[in-house]
C-alpha cells in the first residue's frame, strides 16, 4: 500500500510518499549496517531511518513492527501503486495541491 504524509517532518526529509512493507517480505541483501536511526523528540514517536553513506531517507525500515513505511523515493524499481490516502493534510503547505482522488485525513487515519 502507498500513502502520502503531509506533516512537516516527512516533508523536511523529502520522503512524504511511503510504501508500506510487511516485515516478512523485506529481505536484506546488503547495506543494513549503513542504516542509521534518528530518534525524534516528543511529541513525535516514529524514528526516521537514513543511509549514512548518501543520506537517502528510508522511512522506518528498521522497525520491528509487522509492517512499516519505507520512503517510495528510495526504491530503484517501478512501484505499481498509487497513494491510497493522504494524512496530515492539516499541515499541508498552501502551495501544494493534492491532485488525486485518494482519501484525505487531517491527522493519522482512524485505524478502525
PDB file of N, CA and C in Angstrom:
ATOM      1  N   UNK A   1       0.838  -1.170   0.000  1.00  0.00           N
ATOM      2  CA  UNK A   1       0.000   0.000   0.000  1.00  0.00           C
ATOM      3  C   UNK A   1       0.888   1.239   0.000  1.00  0.00           C
ATOM      4  N   UNK A   2       0.420   2.282  -0.662  1.00  0.00           N
ATOM      5  CA  UNK A   2       1.150   3.539  -0.734  1.00  0.00           C
ATOM      6  C   UNK A   2       0.281   4.645  -0.144  1.00  0.00           C
ATOM      7  N   UNK A   3       0.914   5.591   0.529  1.00  0.00           N
ATOM      8  CA  UNK A   3       0.208   6.737   1.091  1.00  0.00           C
ATOM      9  C   UNK A   3       1.159   7.931   1.116  1.00  0.00           C
ATOM     10  N   UNK A   4       0.589   9.120   1.252  1.00  0.00           N
ATOM     11  CA  UNK A   4       1.391  10.335   1.321  1.00  0.00           C
ATOM     12  C   UNK A   4       1.097  11.064   2.621  1.00  0.00           C
ATOM     13  N   UNK A   5       2.159  11.426   3.326  1.00  0.00           N
ATOM     14  CA  UNK A   5       2.045  12.182   4.566  1.00  0.00           C
ATOM     15  C   UNK A   5       2.478  13.617   4.287  1.00  0.00           C
ATOM     16  N   UNK A   6       1.701  14.567   4.785  1.00  0.00           N
ATOM     17  CA  UNK A   6       1.994  15.978   4.549  1.00  0.00           C
ATOM     18  C   UNK A   6       2.478  16.683   5.807  1.00  0.00           C
ATOM     19  N   UNK A   7       2.869  15.912   6.846  1.00  0.00           N
ATOM     20  CA  UNK A   7       3.355  16.549   8.077  1.00  0.00           C
ATOM     21  C   UNK A   7       4.705  17.215   7.804  1.00  0.00           C
ATOM     22  N   UNK A   8       5.049  18.160   8.649  1.00  0.00           N
ATOM     23  CA  UNK A   8       6.288  18.914   8.441  1.00  0.00           C
ATOM     24  C   UNK A   8       7.521  18.019   8.518  1.00  0.00           C
ATOM     25  N   UNK A   9       7.494  17.003   9.364  1.00  0.00           N
ATOM     26  CA  UNK A   9       8.664  16.121   9.487  1.00  0.00           C
ATOM     27  C   UNK A   9       8.915  15.349   8.199  1.00  0.00           C
ATOM     28  N   UNK A  10       7.862  14.771   7.621  1.00  0.00           N
ATOM     29  CA  UNK A  10       8.036  13.997   6.385  1.00  0.00           C
ATOM     30  C   UNK A  10       8.456  14.894   5.228  1.00  0.00           C
ATOM     31  N   UNK A  11       7.875  16.067   5.153  1.00  0.00           N
ATOM     32  CA  UNK A  11       8.252  16.997   4.074  1.00  0.00           C
ATOM     33  C   UNK A  11       9.714  17.382   4.176  1.00  0.00           C
ATOM     34  N   UNK A  12      10.209  17.588   5.381  1.00  0.00           N
ATOM     35  CA  UNK A  12      11.590  18.043   5.555  1.00  0.00           C
ATOM     36  C   UNK A  12      12.622  16.993   5.166  1.00  0.00           C
ATOM     37  N   UNK A  13      12.273  15.724   5.235  1.00  0.00           N
ATOM     38  CA  UNK A  13      13.228  14.703   4.808  1.00  0.00           C
ATOM     39  C   UNK A  13      13.035  14.352   3.340  1.00  0.00           C
ATOM     40  N   UNK A  14      12.100  15.011   2.673  1.00  0.00           N
ATOM     41  CA  UNK A  14      11.888  14.781   1.243  1.00  0.00           C
ATOM     42  C   UNK A  14      11.353  13.405   0.928  1.00  0.00           C
ATOM     43  N   UNK A  15      10.583  12.854   1.853  1.00  0.00           N
ATOM     44  CA  UNK A  15      10.120  11.487   1.664  1.00  0.00           C
ATOM     45  C   UNK A  15       8.698  11.340   2.167  1.00  0.00           C
ATOM     46  N   UNK A  16       7.813  12.128   1.643  1.00  0.00           N
ATOM     47  CA  UNK A  16       6.464  12.107   2.188  1.00  0.00           C
ATOM     48  C   UNK A  16       5.559  11.041   1.569  1.00  0.00           C
ATOM     49  N   UNK A  17       5.971  10.394   0.499  1.00  0.00           N
ATOM     50  CA  UNK A  17       5.187   9.283  -0.040  1.00  0.00           C
ATOM     51  C   UNK A  17       5.866   7.980   0.368  1.00  0.00           C
ATOM     52  N   UNK A  18       5.076   7.118   0.999  1.00  0.00           N
ATOM     53  CA  UNK A  18       5.596   5.884   1.555  1.00  0.00           C
ATOM     54  C   UNK A  18       4.932   4.671   0.938  1.00  0.00           C
ATOM     55  N   UNK A  19       5.674   3.581   0.918  1.00  0.00           N
ATOM     56  CA  UNK A  19       5.143   2.271   0.556  1.00  0.00           C
ATOM     57  C   UNK A  19       5.203   1.442   1.830  1.00  0.00           C
ATOM     58  N   UNK A  20       4.082   0.865   2.208  1.00  0.00           N
ATOM     59  CA  UNK A  20       4.033   0.056   3.419  1.00  0.00           C
ATOM     60  C   UNK A  20       4.457  -1.366   3.083  1.00  0.00           C
ATOM     61  N   UNK A  21       5.412  -1.878   3.847  1.00  0.00           N
ATOM     62  CA  UNK A  21       6.034  -3.167   3.590  1.00  0.00           C
ATOM     63  C   UNK A  21       5.786  -4.095   4.775  1.00  0.00           C
ATOM     64  N   UNK A  22       5.489  -5.349   4.484  1.00  0.00           N
ATOM     65  CA  UNK A  22       5.381  -6.354   5.545  1.00  0.00           C
ATOM     66  C   UNK A  22       6.795  -6.783   5.924  1.00  0.00           C
ATOM     67  N   UNK A  23       7.048  -6.840   7.212  1.00  0.00           N
ATOM     68  CA  UNK A  23       8.381  -7.199   7.698  1.00  0.00           C
ATOM     69  C   UNK A  23       8.869  -8.509   7.088  1.00  0.00           C
ATOM     70  N   UNK A  24       7.992  -9.500   6.962  1.00  0.00           N
ATOM     71  CA  UNK A  24       8.380 -10.797   6.418  1.00  0.00           C
ATOM     72  C   UNK A  24       8.716 -10.744   4.924  1.00  0.00           C
ATOM     73  N   UNK A  25       8.283  -9.677   4.234  1.00  0.00           N
ATOM     74  CA  UNK A  25       8.550  -9.547   2.804  1.00  0.00           C
ATOM     75  C   UNK A  25       9.850  -8.813   2.501  1.00  0.00           C
ATOM     76  N   UNK A  26      10.462  -8.209   3.512  1.00  0.00           N
ATOM     77  CA  UNK A  26      11.704  -7.472   3.312  1.00  0.00           C
ATOM     78  C   UNK A  26      12.890  -8.383   3.567  1.00  0.00           C
ATOM     79  N   UNK A  27      13.731  -8.518   2.560  1.00  0.00           N
ATOM     80  CA  UNK A  27      14.940  -9.333   2.702  1.00  0.00           C
ATOM     81  C   UNK A  27      16.148  -8.432   2.487  1.00  0.00           C
ATOM     82  N   UNK A  28      16.967  -8.312   3.518  1.00  0.00           N
ATOM     83  CA  UNK A  28      18.183  -7.519   3.407  1.00  0.00           C
ATOM     84  C   UNK A  28      19.217  -8.320   2.627  1.00  0.00           C
ATOM     85  N   UNK A  29      19.740  -7.738   1.568  1.00  0.00           N
ATOM     86  CA  UNK A  29      20.794  -8.362   0.780  1.00  0.00           C
ATOM     87  C   UNK A  29      22.145  -7.809   1.228  1.00  0.00           C
ATOM     88  N   UNK A  30      22.192  -6.505   1.413  1.00  0.00           N
ATOM     89  CA  UNK A  30      23.391  -5.847   1.917  1.00  0.00           C
ATOM     90  C   UNK A  30      23.024  -4.441   2.367  1.00  0.00           C
ATOM     91  N   UNK A  31      23.900  -3.807   3.117  1.00  0.00           N
ATOM     92  CA  UNK A  31      23.738  -2.409   3.475  1.00  0.00           C
ATOM     93  C   UNK A  31      23.028  -2.108   4.779  1.00  0.00           C
ATOM     94  N   UNK A  32      22.518  -3.111   5.475  1.00  0.00           N
ATOM     95  CA  UNK A  32      21.804  -2.841   6.728  1.00  0.00           C
ATOM     96  C   UNK A  32      22.704  -2.129   7.730  1.00  0.00           C
ATOM     97  N   UNK A  33      23.978  -2.417   7.722  1.00  0.00           N
ATOM     98  CA  UNK A  33      24.930  -1.788   8.641  1.00  0.00           C
ATOM     99  C   UNK A  33      25.156  -0.310   8.325  1.00  0.00           C
ATOM    100  N   UNK A  34      24.674   0.152   7.181  1.00  0.00           N
ATOM    101  CA  UNK A  34      24.824   1.552   6.789  1.00  0.00           C
ATOM    102  C   UNK A  34      23.601   2.405   7.116  1.00  0.00           C
ATOM    103  N   UNK A  35      22.592   1.780   7.699  1.00  0.00           N
ATOM    104  CA  UNK A  35      21.361   2.499   8.039  1.00  0.00           C
ATOM    105  C   UNK A  35      21.476   3.043   9.459  1.00  0.00           C
ATOM    106  N   UNK A  36      21.120   4.303   9.608  1.00  0.00           N
ATOM    107  CA  UNK A  36      21.118   4.958  10.921  1.00  0.00           C
ATOM    108  C   UNK A  36      19.697   5.387  11.254  1.00  0.00           C
ATOM    109  N   UNK A  37      19.435   5.537  12.541  1.00  0.00           N
ATOM    110  CA  UNK A  37      18.112   5.900  13.016  1.00  0.00           C
ATOM    111  C   UNK A  37      18.163   7.241  13.736  1.00  0.00           C
ATOM    112  N   UNK A  38      17.290   8.159  13.306  1.00  0.00           N
ATOM    113  CA  UNK A  38      17.109   9.424  14.007  1.00  0.00           C
ATOM    114  C   UNK A  38      15.958   9.248  14.984  1.00  0.00           C
ATOM    115  N   UNK A  39      16.208   9.439  16.280  1.00  0.00           N
ATOM    116  CA  UNK A  39      15.184   9.327  17.317  1.00  0.00           C
ATOM    117  C   UNK A  39      14.581  10.706  17.537  1.00  0.00           C
ATOM    118  N   UNK A  40      13.270  10.845  17.355  1.00  0.00           N
ATOM    119  CA  UNK A  40      12.642  12.162  17.491  1.00  0.00           C
ATOM    120  C   UNK A  40      12.395  12.551  18.946  1.00  0.00           C
ATOM    121  N   UNK A  41      12.167  13.835  19.143  1.00  0.00           N
ATOM    122  CA  UNK A  41      11.760  14.355  20.448  1.00  0.00           C
ATOM    123  C   UNK A  41      10.241  14.328  20.531  1.00  0.00           C
ATOM    124  N   UNK A  42       9.724  14.233  21.749  1.00  0.00           N
ATOM    125  CA  UNK A  42       8.273  14.262  21.961  1.00  0.00           C
ATOM    126  C   UNK A  42       7.713  15.575  21.400  1.00  0.00           C
ATOM    127  N   UNK A  43       6.541  15.578  20.817  1.00  0.00           N
ATOM    128  CA  UNK A  43       5.510  14.557  20.881  1.00  0.00           C
ATOM    129  C   UNK A  43       5.619  13.519  19.768  1.00  0.00           C
ATOM    130  N   UNK A  44       6.627  13.591  18.925  1.00  0.00           N
ATOM    131  CA  UNK A  44       6.770  12.635  17.825  1.00  0.00           C
ATOM    132  C   UNK A  44       7.248  11.302  18.361  1.00  0.00           C
ATOM    133  N   UNK A  45       6.778  10.218  17.771  1.00  0.00           N
ATOM    134  CA  UNK A  45       7.130   8.894  18.270  1.00  0.00           C
ATOM    135  C   UNK A  45       7.851   8.030  17.244  1.00  0.00           C
ATOM    136  N   UNK A  46       7.712   8.329  15.963  1.00  0.00           N
ATOM    137  CA  UNK A  46       8.301   7.482  14.930  1.00  0.00           C
ATOM    138  C   UNK A  46       9.702   7.946  14.574  1.00  0.00           C
ATOM    139  N   UNK A  47      10.661   7.000  14.650  1.00  0.00           N
ATOM    140  CA  UNK A  47      12.018   7.301  14.243  1.00  0.00           C
ATOM    141  C   UNK A  47      12.124   7.332  12.726  1.00  0.00           C
ATOM    142  N   UNK A  48      13.140   7.981  12.232  1.00  0.00           N
ATOM    143  CA  UNK A  48      13.371   8.058  10.790  1.00  0.00           C
ATOM    144  C   UNK A  48      14.726   7.451  10.481  1.00  0.00           C
ATOM    145  N   UNK A  49      14.750   6.547   9.513  1.00  0.00           N
ATOM    146  CA  UNK A  49      15.992   5.910   9.111  1.00  0.00           C
ATOM    147  C   UNK A  49      16.560   6.610   7.882  1.00  0.00           C
ATOM    148  N   UNK A  50      17.875   6.571   7.784  1.00  0.00           N
ATOM    149  CA  UNK A  50      18.546   7.153   6.626  1.00  0.00           C
ATOM    150  C   UNK A  50      19.851   6.409   6.372  1.00  0.00           C
ATOM    151  N   UNK A  51      20.341   6.509   5.138  1.00  0.00           N
ATOM    152  CA  UNK A  51      21.604   5.885   4.767  1.00  0.00           C
ATOM    153  C   UNK A  51      22.752   6.779   5.226  1.00  0.00           C
ATOM    154  N   UNK A  52      23.707   6.215   5.981  1.00  0.00           N
ATOM    155  CA  UNK A  52      24.830   7.013   6.479  1.00  0.00           C
ATOM    156  C   UNK A  52      25.816   7.369   5.366  1.00  0.00           C
ATOM    157  N   UNK A  53      25.718   6.701   4.215  1.00  0.00           N
ATOM    158  CA  UNK A  53      26.634   6.966   3.118  1.00  0.00           C
ATOM    159  C   UNK A  53      26.131   8.111   2.235  1.00  0.00           C
ATOM    160  N   UNK A  54      24.867   8.029   1.815  1.00  0.00           N
ATOM    161  CA  UNK A  54      24.346   9.032   0.872  1.00  0.00           C
ATOM    162  C   UNK A  54      23.266   9.931   1.450  1.00  0.00           C
ATOM    163  N   UNK A  55      22.744   9.601   2.649  1.00  0.00           N
ATOM    164  CA  UNK A  55      21.732  10.425   3.290  1.00  0.00           C
ATOM    165  C   UNK A  55      20.303  10.164   2.843  1.00  0.00           C
ATOM    166  N   UNK A  56      20.092   9.182   1.962  1.00  0.00           N
ATOM    167  CA  UNK A  56      18.745   8.889   1.485  1.00  0.00           C
ATOM    168  C   UNK A  56      17.818   8.545   2.644  1.00  0.00           C
ATOM    169  N   UNK A  57      16.645   9.157   2.649  1.00  0.00           N
ATOM    170  CA  UNK A  57      15.641   8.869   3.650  1.00  0.00           C
ATOM    171  C   UNK A  57      15.036   7.507   3.361  1.00  0.00           C
ATOM    172  N   UNK A  58      14.934   6.662   4.389  1.00  0.00           N
ATOM    173  CA  UNK A  58      14.456   5.294   4.219  1.00  0.00           C
ATOM    174  C   UNK A  58      13.180   4.992   4.987  1.00  0.00           C
ATOM    175  N   UNK A  59      12.554   6.002   5.567  1.00  0.00           N
ATOM    176  CA  UNK A  59      11.332   5.761   6.326  1.00  0.00           C
ATOM    177  C   UNK A  59      11.641   5.032   7.612  1.00  0.00           C
ATOM    178  N   UNK A  60      10.886   3.995   7.911  1.00  0.00           N
ATOM    179  CA  UNK A  60      11.041   3.260   9.167  1.00  0.00           C
ATOM    180  C   UNK A  60      11.543   1.840   8.908  1.00  0.00           C
ATOM    181  N   UNK A  61      12.508   1.713   8.024  1.00  0.00           N
ATOM    182  CA  UNK A  61      12.965   0.414   7.530  1.00  0.00           C
ATOM    183  C   UNK A  61      13.557  -0.483   8.623  1.00  0.00           C
ATOM    184  N   UNK A  62      13.957   0.055   9.763  1.00  0.00           N
ATOM    185  CA  UNK A  62      14.483  -0.761  10.857  1.00  0.00           C
ATOM    186  C   UNK A  62      13.415  -1.130  11.884  1.00  0.00           C
ATOM    187  N   UNK A  63      12.174  -0.822  11.587  1.00  0.00           N
ATOM    188  CA  UNK A  63      11.082  -1.090  12.510  1.00  0.00           C
ATOM    189  C   UNK A  63      10.965  -2.578  12.818  1.00  0.00           C
ATOM    190  N   UNK A  64      10.548  -2.875  14.030  1.00  0.00           N
ATOM    191  CA  UNK A  64      10.285  -4.257  14.431  1.00  0.00           C
ATOM    192  C   UNK A  64       8.806  -4.602  14.305  1.00  0.00           C
ATOM    193  N   UNK A  65       7.985  -3.649  13.854  1.00  0.00           N
ATOM    194  CA  UNK A  65       6.551  -3.895  13.661  1.00  0.00           C
ATOM    195  C   UNK A  65       6.331  -4.890  12.520  1.00  0.00           C
ATOM    196  N   UNK A  66       5.131  -5.450  12.453  1.00  0.00           N
ATOM    197  CA  UNK A  66       4.795  -6.412  11.395  1.00  0.00           C
ATOM    198  C   UNK A  66       4.798  -5.780  10.009  1.00  0.00           C
ATOM    199  N   UNK A  67       4.455  -4.494   9.941  1.00  0.00           N
ATOM    200  CA  UNK A  67       4.560  -3.747   8.684  1.00  0.00           C
ATOM    201  C   UNK A  67       4.977  -2.330   9.025  1.00  0.00           C
ATOM    202  N   UNK A  68       5.565  -1.651   8.070  1.00  0.00           N
ATOM    203  CA  UNK A  68       6.096  -0.317   8.318  1.00  0.00           C
ATOM    204  C   UNK A  68       6.259   0.421   6.991  1.00  0.00           C
ATOM    205  N   UNK A  69       6.319   1.760   7.045  1.00  0.00           N
ATOM    206  CA  UNK A  69       6.504   2.523   5.825  1.00  0.00           C
ATOM    207  C   UNK A  69       7.976   2.726   5.483  1.00  0.00           C
ATOM    208  N   UNK A  70       8.284   2.592   4.203  1.00  0.00           N
ATOM    209  CA  UNK A  70       9.600   2.996   3.711  1.00  0.00           C
ATOM    210  C   UNK A  70       9.368   4.050   2.638  1.00  0.00           C
ATOM    211  N   UNK A  71      10.305   4.931   2.484  1.00  0.00           N
ATOM    212  CA  UNK A  71      10.166   6.042   1.548  1.00  0.00           C
ATOM    213  C   UNK A  71      10.139   5.529   0.110  1.00  0.00           C
ATOM    214  N   UNK A  72       9.100   5.892  -0.630  1.00  0.00           N
ATOM    215  CA  UNK A  72       8.969   5.439  -2.018  1.00  0.00           C
ATOM    216  C   UNK A  72      10.112   5.950  -2.880  1.00  0.00           C
ATOM    217  N   UNK A  73      10.655   7.115  -2.551  1.00  0.00           N
ATOM    218  CA  UNK A  73      11.728   7.683  -3.368  1.00  0.00           C
ATOM    219  C   UNK A  73      13.043   6.913  -3.270  1.00  0.00           C
ATOM    220  N   UNK A  74      13.173   5.984  -2.316  1.00  0.00           N
ATOM    221  CA  UNK A  74      14.422   5.231  -2.209  1.00  0.00           C
ATOM    222  C   UNK A  74      14.400   3.943  -3.036  1.00  0.00           C
ATOM    223  N   UNK A  75      13.259   3.618  -3.630  1.00  0.00           N
ATOM    224  CA  UNK A  75      13.146   2.388  -4.410  1.00  0.00           C
ATOM    225  C   UNK A  75      13.644   2.610  -5.837  1.00  0.00           C
ATOM    226  N   UNK A  76      14.491   1.716  -6.310  1.00  0.00           N
ATOM    227  CA  UNK A  76      15.027   1.834  -7.665  1.00  0.00           C
ATOM    228  C   UNK A  76      14.043   1.341  -8.716  1.00  0.00           C
ATOM    229  N   UNK A  77      13.306   0.299  -8.398  1.00  0.00           N
ATOM    230  CA  UNK A  77      12.387  -0.297  -9.371  1.00  0.00           C
ATOM    231  C   UNK A  77      11.031   0.395  -9.340  1.00  0.00           C
ATOM    232  N   UNK A  78      10.314   0.268 -10.432  1.00  0.00           N
ATOM    233  CA  UNK A  78       8.968   0.829 -10.539  1.00  0.00           C
ATOM    234  C   UNK A  78       8.049   0.179  -9.513  1.00  0.00           C
ATOM    235  N   UNK A  79       7.250   0.999  -8.857  1.00  0.00           N
ATOM    236  CA  UNK A  79       6.254   0.516  -7.901  1.00  0.00           C
ATOM    237  C   UNK A  79       4.898   0.716  -8.554  1.00  0.00           C
ATOM    238  N   UNK A  80       4.165  -0.353  -8.730  1.00  0.00           N
ATOM    239  CA  UNK A  80       2.887  -0.303  -9.431  1.00  0.00           C
ATOM    240  C   UNK A  80       1.750   0.004  -8.450  1.00  0.00           C
ATOM    241  N   UNK A  81       1.864   1.156  -7.750  1.00  0.00           N
ATOM    242  CA  UNK A  81       0.881   1.575  -6.755  1.00  0.00           C
ATOM    243  C   UNK A  81       0.590   3.062  -6.918  1.00  0.00           C
ATOM    244  N   UNK A  82      -0.523   3.497  -6.370  1.00  0.00           N
ATOM    245  CA  UNK A  82      -0.829   4.921  -6.252  1.00  0.00           C
ATOM    246  C   UNK A  82      -1.261   5.168  -4.812  1.00  0.00           C
ATOM    247  N   UNK A  83      -1.111   6.395  -4.313  1.00  0.00           N
ATOM    248  CA  UNK A  83      -1.485   6.656  -2.923  1.00  0.00           C
ATOM    249  C   UNK A  83      -2.940   6.303  -2.633  1.00  0.00           C
ATOM    250  N   UNK A  84      -3.140   5.561  -1.552  1.00  0.00           N
ATOM    251  CA  UNK A  84      -4.480   5.178  -1.109  1.00  0.00           C
ATOM    252  C   UNK A  84      -5.091   6.284  -0.257  1.00  0.00           C
ATOM    253  N   UNK A  85      -4.231   7.043   0.451  1.00  0.00           N
ATOM    254  CA  UNK A  85      -4.729   8.147   1.267  1.00  0.00           C
ATOM    255  C   UNK A  85      -3.628   9.185   1.472  1.00  0.00           C
ATOM    256  N   UNK A  86      -4.061  10.343   1.944  1.00  0.00           N
ATOM    257  CA  UNK A  86      -3.167  11.432   2.341  1.00  0.00           C
ATOM    258  C   UNK A  86      -3.443  11.690   3.816  1.00  0.00           C
ATOM    259  N   UNK A  87      -2.373  11.757   4.630  1.00  0.00           N
ATOM    260  CA  UNK A  87      -2.565  12.053   6.045  1.00  0.00           C
ATOM    261  C   UNK A  87      -1.877  13.368   6.396  1.00  0.00           C
ATOM    262  N   UNK A  88      -2.289  13.930   7.511  1.00  0.00           N
ATOM    263  CA  UNK A  88      -1.792  15.215   7.985  1.00  0.00           C
ATOM    264  C   UNK A  88      -1.988  16.336   6.960  1.00  0.00           C
ATOM    265  N   UNK A  89      -3.114  16.296   6.259  1.00  0.00           N
ATOM    266  CA  UNK A  89      -3.392  17.367   5.292  1.00  0.00           C
ATOM    267  C   UNK A  89      -3.597  18.702   6.006  1.00  0.00           C
ATOM    268  N   UNK A  90      -3.859  18.683   7.302  1.00  0.00           N
ATOM    269  CA  UNK A  90      -3.974  19.929   8.067  1.00  0.00           C
ATOM    270  C   UNK A  90      -2.629  20.666   8.119  1.00  0.00           C
ATOM    271  N   UNK A  91      -1.524  19.946   7.903  1.00  0.00           N
ATOM    272  CA  UNK A  91      -0.188  20.554   7.902  1.00  0.00           C
ATOM    273  C   UNK A  91       0.345  20.806   6.494  1.00  0.00           C
ATOM    274  N   UNK A  92      -0.436  20.479   5.490  1.00  0.00           N
ATOM    275  CA  UNK A  92      -0.011  20.650   4.097  1.00  0.00           C
ATOM    276  C   UNK A  92       0.210  22.130   3.804  1.00  0.00           C
ATOM    277  N   UNK A  93       1.312  22.474   3.133  1.00  0.00           N
ATOM    278  CA  UNK A  93       1.521  23.876   2.784  1.00  0.00           C
ATOM    279  C   UNK A  93       0.498  24.339   1.740  1.00  0.00           C
ATOM    280  N   UNK A  94       0.171  25.600   1.780  1.00  0.00           N
ATOM    281  CA  UNK A  94      -0.835  26.158   0.874  1.00  0.00           C
ATOM    282  C   UNK A  94      -0.422  26.046  -0.600  1.00  0.00           C
ATOM    283  N   UNK A  95       0.870  26.012  -0.873  1.00  0.00           N
ATOM    284  CA  UNK A  95       1.338  25.977  -2.258  1.00  0.00           C
ATOM    285  C   UNK A  95       1.211  24.594  -2.894  1.00  0.00           C
ATOM    286  N   UNK A  96       0.888  23.567  -2.086  1.00  0.00           N
ATOM    287  CA  UNK A  96       0.788  22.208  -2.621  1.00  0.00           C
ATOM    288  C   UNK A  96      -0.666  21.813  -2.799  1.00  0.00           C
ATOM    289  N   UNK A  97      -1.027  21.406  -4.006  1.00  0.00           N
ATOM    290  CA  UNK A  97      -2.376  20.927  -4.290  1.00  0.00           C
ATOM    291  C   UNK A  97      -2.370  19.405  -4.389  1.00  0.00           C
ATOM    292  N   UNK A  98      -3.301  18.760  -3.704  1.00  0.00           N
ATOM    293  CA  UNK A  98      -3.479  17.317  -3.834  1.00  0.00           C
ATOM    294  C   UNK A  98      -4.316  17.099  -5.087  1.00  0.00           C
ATOM    295  N   UNK A  99      -3.767  16.392  -6.039  1.00  0.00           N
ATOM    296  CA  UNK A  99      -4.402  16.273  -7.354  1.00  0.00           C
ATOM    297  C   UNK A  99      -4.864  14.861  -7.673  1.00  0.00           C
ATOM    298  N   UNK A 100      -5.270  14.117  -6.654  1.00  0.00           N
ATOM    299  CA  UNK A 100      -5.824  12.793  -6.911  1.00  0.00           C
ATOM    300  C   UNK A 100      -7.072  12.616  -6.057  1.00  0.00           C
ATOM    301  N   UNK A 101      -7.718  11.489  -6.209  1.00  0.00           N
ATOM    302  CA  UNK A 101      -8.982  11.238  -5.518  1.00  0.00           C
ATOM    303  C   UNK A 101      -8.817  10.409  -4.243  1.00  0.00           C
ATOM    304  N   UNK A 102      -7.580  10.210  -3.794  1.00  0.00           N
ATOM    305  CA  UNK A 102      -7.339   9.414  -2.591  1.00  0.00           C
ATOM    306  C   UNK A 102      -7.964  10.098  -1.372  1.00  0.00           C
ATOM    307  N   UNK A 103      -8.370   9.297  -0.393  1.00  0.00           N
ATOM    308  CA  UNK A 103      -8.967   9.833   0.831  1.00  0.00           C
ATOM    309  C   UNK A 103      -7.978  10.767   1.521  1.00  0.00           C
ATOM    310  N   UNK A 104      -8.524  11.751   2.225  1.00  0.00           N
ATOM    311  CA  UNK A 104      -7.696  12.712   2.935  1.00  0.00           C
ATOM    312  C   UNK A 104      -8.079  12.739   4.415  1.00  0.00           C
ATOM    313  N   UNK A 105      -7.052  12.812   5.261  1.00  0.00           N
ATOM    314  CA  UNK A 105      -7.248  12.847   6.699  1.00  0.00           C
ATOM    315  C   UNK A 105      -6.468  14.019   7.288  1.00  0.00           C
ATOM    316  N   UNK A 106      -7.085  14.741   8.210  1.00  0.00           N
ATOM    317  CA  UNK A 106      -6.416  15.882   8.853  1.00  0.00           C
ATOM    318  C   UNK A 106      -5.186  15.433   9.625  1.00  0.00           C
ATOM    319  N   UNK A 107      -5.222  14.260  10.261  1.00  0.00           N
ATOM    320  CA  UNK A 107      -4.111  13.687  11.027  1.00  0.00           C
ATOM    321  C   UNK A 107      -3.900  12.254  10.521  1.00  0.00           C
ATOM    322  N   UNK A 108      -3.561  11.334  11.416  1.00  0.00           N
ATOM    323  CA  UNK A 108      -3.471   9.918  11.034  1.00  0.00           C
ATOM    324  C   UNK A 108      -4.878   9.386  10.762  1.00  0.00           C
ATOM    325  N   UNK A 109      -5.032   8.463   9.816  1.00  0.00           N
ATOM    326  CA  UNK A 109      -6.345   7.844   9.604  1.00  0.00           C
ATOM    327  C   UNK A 109      -6.771   7.046  10.833  1.00  0.00           C
ATOM    328  N   UNK A 110      -8.046   6.964  11.045  1.00  0.00           N
ATOM    329  CA  UNK A 110      -8.589   6.162  12.132  1.00  0.00           C
ATOM    330  C   UNK A 110      -8.351   4.690  11.778  1.00  0.00           C
ATOM    331  N   UNK A 111      -7.680   3.930  12.656  1.00  0.00           N
ATOM    332  CA  UNK A 111      -7.372   2.530  12.328  1.00  0.00           C
ATOM    333  C   UNK A 111      -8.581   1.613  12.241  1.00  0.00           C
ATOM    334  N   UNK A 112      -9.751   2.073  12.631  1.00  0.00           N
ATOM    335  CA  UNK A 112     -10.945   1.212  12.635  1.00  0.00           C
ATOM    336  C   UNK A 112     -11.391   0.811  11.251  1.00  0.00           C
TER     337      UNK A 112
END
